[in-house]
Amino acid sequence: MSRTDLKLDGSFADMILIPDTGVPDKSRTSALFILTNPGQLNFYDGGSLFSVQNSKEGTPLPEAQKFPVAIPTLDPNITVTGLYSLTESEFPNISLKKFCARKNAGHFISENMKWPLTGGVPNEMSLDEDHAVERIYIAGYQDGSVRIWDATFPVLMPMFVLDGNVADVNLDGANASVSSLAFCSLSMTLAVGTTSGLVRIYKLREHTGGSSFHFVSEFKQEVHVVHHGKGFHCYVAFLSANSSVLSLLFMASGGLLAAGYQNGQVAMLDPSQLSILFTVDGASGTNSPVVSLGIYSVAASAAKADQSKKDNPQNATLSRDVLLSLTKDARVTVLDCTTGVMINSHIIHQKQSSAISICRVRRDTNPIIRGQNSKSRSDRERWQ
């Protein structure tokens, strides 16, 4: 029996011993895998790990071979993530693979080792650069950068990194921590919200050479001619409120983008027209943070529909889009998506609890609010 001490870079999370299946009637260890926080997998060769020399005092400790971390969570710190499907994309023939800037990691494990593993991941994942990307995993970081992985197969493959800075433009708050993400697969548009209040918009389509960058705020709009190379770049940045962006949500068509802020404000942004449709304060002057957003198409009542037809028969409509915002103090506000006019506001009585999310149950197109405290049916129907 021998003992070997190991020095770990992070706190211990889990371990597994792999026996040497090539030696019958002997329980010899072929390899040791140790998982440390925050997700680093370390490999030790069993032959050198349990050798007599390593058990003596004063001898160097065994060195671990570190597996590449699929999704780095430290340096810089990861702040927000999202998994998105591309099956509804209008651009199915665009292969994101050809824009990948992944590094080929060398094989550091001995080739003569006998592995008991007989399964694996699909062989389509690695070498075919023309395969369709069906899912992407997006992570935002404390330094303002965004990293995107191909999540089509079980093993995530790094694709590219989006820097928070814009070439040739001095943009205040560009390196602020990423606080919110939104992605529309129909238009391949990515929105990145930061703690500085900036909302950066990217089109995940290839373009090279010179192009324009737009900065849009409530008071001014700037246009800059920038020069960059291949890849995806921010083409417009919105500054609607000097507060951290907590929630972002695209409309189903991807034409409009709703933003909710730490100070309780809500804004509707139009990336295609490079404009801010409206920015409104929280209901009743509250500055409670906006924790969730929802956009729904609701049917007008029969009386309103009849009146609309009388007033303007050609433009009469039986439905309209509304924006629901849920704040941390459990207040729900319903706004018109086009004008920002408040339609209704209701606070759910809470018992020392914070609202966390808003969802929809398909029942007569009425939205239902879900929080940590379940409410009675009478409360919900009274709000509706």
Foldseek 3Di string as FASTA:
>chain_A
DADADDDDPAAWDDKDFDAQPVDPPDRQTQKIWTAGPPGKIWIDGRVVQGDPVRRDPPDDHGDTDIDDGLDDCVPFHWADKDKDFLPQEPCQQDQLLVQFPFDDDDDDDDPPGDGPDDDDKDPVPPDDSRDTQTMKMWIWTQQQKIWIWRPSIPRTTTGDMAQLDDAPDDDPPSRGGFAEWDAASHQQKIWTWGQQQKIFIKRFDWDAFKDWAWEEEPPDIDIDIGHDGIGIYTRYMYRHDRGGWHDWYADNNRQKIWTWGQQQKIWIAGVVVRYTQDIDHHPPNGRFGFQEKDKFKAFDDPVVQVVQCVVPVVPRDGIAIWMWTAGFQQKIWIAGNRRRDTPDIDHDDDDPGTAHYWDADPDNRDTDGDGPDDDDPVVRVVRD
